[in-house]
Amino acid sequence: MVVPPELCYYYIGNEQMERRNEPRYPLTCEMEAVPSRLGTKDEHSRIVGGKVVNISAGGACVLADRDFDQSSILVCRVRFSGVPVAIPLLMQVRWTRPAQSPEAVLQMGLSFLA
């Protein structure tokens, strides 16, 4: 599935607004995320699947099947096509909203944590 990157812009009225200082680049890849505080035996039931739709130097926009609270810290695993291993990333939820795609429940803006 190729998701148009404009799904992660926000709108005021009919005007499309850009939140970031860095340019975004279209990228489609699979991602899994869990809250960093997990360590309980039900951890696997809390894994959220998602799809990255664009990326910048500061973060990524993700279509996901479940919600996380704003400011949550997530341990993510991103899978790039043709790469045999997942790349681990620590990210923070900056915003969420209902998805404008029938293939996901919501959109999340995630920032990279160094």
C-alpha atoms as a PDB file:
ATOM      1  CA  MET A   1       0.000   0.000   0.000  1.00  0.00           C
ATOM      2  CA  VAL A   2       1.301   3.464  -0.874  1.00  0.00           C
ATOM      3  CA  VAL A   3      -0.162   6.126   1.388  1.00  0.00           C
ATOM      4  CA  PRO A   4      -0.067   9.726   0.176  1.00  0.00           C
ATOM      5  CA  PRO A   5       2.114  11.835   2.507  1.00  0.00           C
ATOM      6  CA  GLU A   6      -0.554  14.542   2.655  1.00  0.00           C
ATOM      7  CA  LEU A   7      -2.466  12.311   5.096  1.00  0.00           C
ATOM      8  CA  CYS A   8      -0.265  13.686   7.870  1.00  0.00           C
ATOM      9  CA  TYR A   9      -0.818  17.381   7.284  1.00  0.00           C
ATOM     10  CA  TYR A  10      -3.383  19.087   9.453  1.00  0.00           C
ATOM     11  CA  TYR A  11      -6.011  21.529   8.310  1.00  0.00           C
ATOM     12  CA  ILE A  12      -7.530  24.763   9.567  1.00  0.00           C
ATOM     13  CA  GLY A  13     -10.700  25.116   7.558  1.00  0.00           C
ATOM     14  CA  ASN A  14      -9.651  24.205   4.035  1.00  0.00           C
ATOM     15  CA  GLU A  15      -6.072  25.426   4.448  1.00  0.00           C
ATOM     16  CA  GLN A  16      -3.362  22.767   4.691  1.00  0.00           C
ATOM     17  CA  MET A  17      -0.847  23.574   7.456  1.00  0.00           C
ATOM     18  CA  GLU A  18       2.711  22.316   7.962  1.00  0.00           C
ATOM     19  CA  ARG A  19       3.919  21.804  11.549  1.00  0.00           C
ATOM     20  CA  ARG A  20       7.549  20.910  11.017  1.00  0.00           C
ATOM     21  CA  ASN A  21      10.735  22.861  10.480  1.00  0.00           C
ATOM     22  CA  GLU A  22      12.269  19.991   8.519  1.00  0.00           C
ATOM     23  CA  PRO A  23      11.035  18.801   5.119  1.00  0.00           C
ATOM     24  CA  ARG A  24       9.144  15.492   5.018  1.00  0.00           C
ATOM     25  CA  TYR A  25       9.871  12.684   2.610  1.00  0.00           C
ATOM     26  CA  PRO A  26       7.435   9.974   1.539  1.00  0.00           C
ATOM     27  CA  LEU A  27       8.376   6.589   2.975  1.00  0.00           C
ATOM     28  CA  THR A  28       6.238   3.504   3.361  1.00  0.00           C
ATOM     29  CA  CYS A  29       7.388   0.776   5.728  1.00  0.00           C
ATOM     30  CA  GLU A  30       5.984  -1.383   8.519  1.00  0.00           C
ATOM     31  CA  MET A  31       6.449  -0.502  12.187  1.00  0.00           C
ATOM     32  CA  GLU A  32       5.594  -2.006  15.572  1.00  0.00           C
ATOM     33  CA  ALA A  33       5.496  -0.015  18.806  1.00  0.00           C
ATOM     34  CA  VAL A  34       5.064  -0.705  22.521  1.00  0.00           C
ATOM     35  CA  PRO A  35       5.049   1.770  25.423  1.00  0.00           C
ATOM     36  CA  SER A  36       8.508   1.894  27.021  1.00  0.00           C
ATOM     37  CA  ARG A  37       7.121   1.174  30.496  1.00  0.00           C
ATOM     38  CA  LEU A  38       6.007  -2.325  29.547  1.00  0.00           C
ATOM     39  CA  GLY A  39       7.640  -5.297  31.143  1.00  0.00           C
ATOM     40  CA  THR A  40       4.604  -7.264  32.127  1.00  0.00           C
ATOM     41  CA  LYS A  41       3.571 -10.655  30.826  1.00  0.00           C
ATOM     42  CA  ASP A  42       0.810  -9.140  28.652  1.00  0.00           C
ATOM     43  CA  GLU A  43       3.377  -7.077  26.712  1.00  0.00           C
ATOM     44  CA  HIS A  44       2.671  -8.758  23.359  1.00  0.00           C
ATOM     45  CA  SER A  45      -1.015  -7.898  23.574  1.00  0.00           C
ATOM     46  CA  ARG A  46      -0.030  -4.209  23.771  1.00  0.00           C
ATOM     47  CA  ILE A  47       2.073  -4.202  20.588  1.00  0.00           C
ATOM     48  CA  VAL A  48       0.632  -1.764  18.067  1.00  0.00           C
ATOM     49  CA  GLY A  49       1.169  -2.321  14.372  1.00  0.00           C
ATOM     50  CA  GLY A  50       1.555   0.628  12.061  1.00  0.00           C
ATOM     51  CA  LYS A  51       2.762   1.943   8.754  1.00  0.00           C
ATOM     52  CA  VAL A  52       5.181   4.853   8.390  1.00  0.00           C
ATOM     53  CA  VAL A  53       3.916   7.179   5.653  1.00  0.00           C
ATOM     54  CA  ASN A  54       6.509   9.946   5.772  1.00  0.00           C
ATOM     55  CA  ILE A  55       9.671  10.855   7.614  1.00  0.00           C
ATOM     56  CA  SER A  56      11.756  13.926   8.433  1.00  0.00           C
ATOM     57  CA  ALA A  57      14.925  14.620  10.406  1.00  0.00           C
ATOM     58  CA  GLY A  58      12.733  15.106  13.493  1.00  0.00           C
ATOM     59  CA  GLY A  59      10.259  12.256  13.290  1.00  0.00           C
ATOM     60  CA  ALA A  60       7.663  10.347  11.323  1.00  0.00           C
ATOM     61  CA  CYS A  61       3.961  10.161  10.624  1.00  0.00           C
ATOM     62  CA  VAL A  62       2.470   6.729  11.261  1.00  0.00           C
ATOM     63  CA  LEU A  63      -0.900   5.164  10.508  1.00  0.00           C
ATOM     64  CA  ALA A  64      -1.727   2.843  13.414  1.00  0.00           C
ATOM     65  CA  ASP A  65      -4.383   0.370  14.491  1.00  0.00           C
ATOM     66  CA  ARG A  66      -4.532   1.545  18.139  1.00  0.00           C
ATOM     67  CA  ASP A  67      -3.940   4.716  20.124  1.00  0.00           C
ATOM     68  CA  PHE A  68      -1.245   5.845  22.567  1.00  0.00           C
ATOM     69  CA  ASP A  69      -1.479   8.822  24.917  1.00  0.00           C
ATOM     70  CA  GLN A  70       0.182  12.027  23.796  1.00  0.00           C
ATOM     71  CA  SER A  71       3.772  12.305  25.139  1.00  0.00           C
ATOM     72  CA  SER A  72       4.042   8.507  25.534  1.00  0.00           C
ATOM     73  CA  ILE A  73       7.525   7.130  24.950  1.00  0.00           C
ATOM     74  CA  LEU A  74       7.495   4.211  22.511  1.00  0.00           C
ATOM     75  CA  VAL A  75       9.982   1.486  21.729  1.00  0.00           C
ATOM     76  CA  CYS A  76       9.572   1.003  17.985  1.00  0.00           C
ATOM     77  CA  ARG A  77      10.839  -1.517  15.450  1.00  0.00           C
ATOM     78  CA  VAL A  78      10.819  -0.323  11.847  1.00  0.00           C
ATOM     79  CA  ARG A  79      11.078  -2.814   8.980  1.00  0.00           C
ATOM     80  CA  PHE A  80      12.459  -1.551   5.679  1.00  0.00           C
ATOM     81  CA  SER A  81      11.783  -3.485   2.503  1.00  0.00           C
ATOM     82  CA  GLY A  82      14.742  -5.649   1.542  1.00  0.00           C
ATOM     83  CA  VAL A  83      16.439  -5.312   4.963  1.00  0.00           C
ATOM     84  CA  PRO A  84      16.421  -8.565   6.972  1.00  0.00           C
ATOM     85  CA  VAL A  85      16.432  -6.928  10.421  1.00  0.00           C
ATOM     86  CA  ALA A  86      14.145  -4.434  12.150  1.00  0.00           C
ATOM     87  CA  ILE A  87      15.662  -1.091  13.185  1.00  0.00           C
ATOM     88  CA  PRO A  88      14.955  -0.186  16.838  1.00  0.00           C
ATOM     89  CA  LEU A  89      13.961   3.429  17.550  1.00  0.00           C
ATOM     90  CA  LEU A  90      12.904   5.301  20.666  1.00  0.00           C
ATOM     91  CA  MET A  91      10.118   7.750  19.801  1.00  0.00           C
ATOM     92  CA  GLN A  92       7.632  10.061  21.530  1.00  0.00           C
ATOM     93  CA  VAL A  93       3.995  10.592  20.560  1.00  0.00           C
ATOM     94  CA  ARG A  94       3.534  14.276  19.699  1.00  0.00           C
ATOM     95  CA  TRP A  95      -0.036  14.167  18.362  1.00  0.00           C
ATOM     96  CA  THR A  96      -2.785  11.769  17.334  1.00  0.00           C
ATOM     97  CA  ARG A  97      -5.976  12.113  15.312  1.00  0.00           C
ATOM     98  CA  PRO A  98      -8.455   9.868  13.500  1.00  0.00           C
ATOM     99  CA  ALA A  99      -7.029   8.471  10.272  1.00  0.00           C
ATOM    100  CA  GLN A 100      -8.371   9.564   6.925  1.00  0.00           C
ATOM    101  CA  SER A 101      -7.615   6.097   5.571  1.00  0.00           C
ATOM    102  CA  PRO A 102      -9.829   3.000   5.745  1.00  0.00           C
ATOM    103  CA  GLU A 103      -6.745   0.894   6.545  1.00  0.00           C
ATOM    104  CA  ALA A 104      -5.977   2.511   9.925  1.00  0.00           C
ATOM    105  CA  VAL A 105      -7.748   3.787  13.023  1.00  0.00           C
ATOM    106  CA  LEU A 106      -5.570   6.830  13.599  1.00  0.00           C
ATOM    107  CA  GLN A 107      -2.544   8.864  12.598  1.00  0.00           C
ATOM    108  CA  MET A 108       0.294   9.622  15.001  1.00  0.00           C
ATOM    109  CA  GLY A 109       3.078  12.152  14.796  1.00  0.00           C
ATOM    110  CA  LEU A 110       6.162  10.630  16.428  1.00  0.00           C
ATOM    111  CA  SER A 111       9.419  12.438  17.205  1.00  0.00           C
ATOM    112  CA  PHE A 112      12.798  10.720  17.369  1.00  0.00           C
ATOM    113  CA  LEU A 113      14.504  10.685  20.775  1.00  0.00           C
ATOM    114  CA  ALA A 114      18.291  10.692  20.840  1.00  0.00           C
END
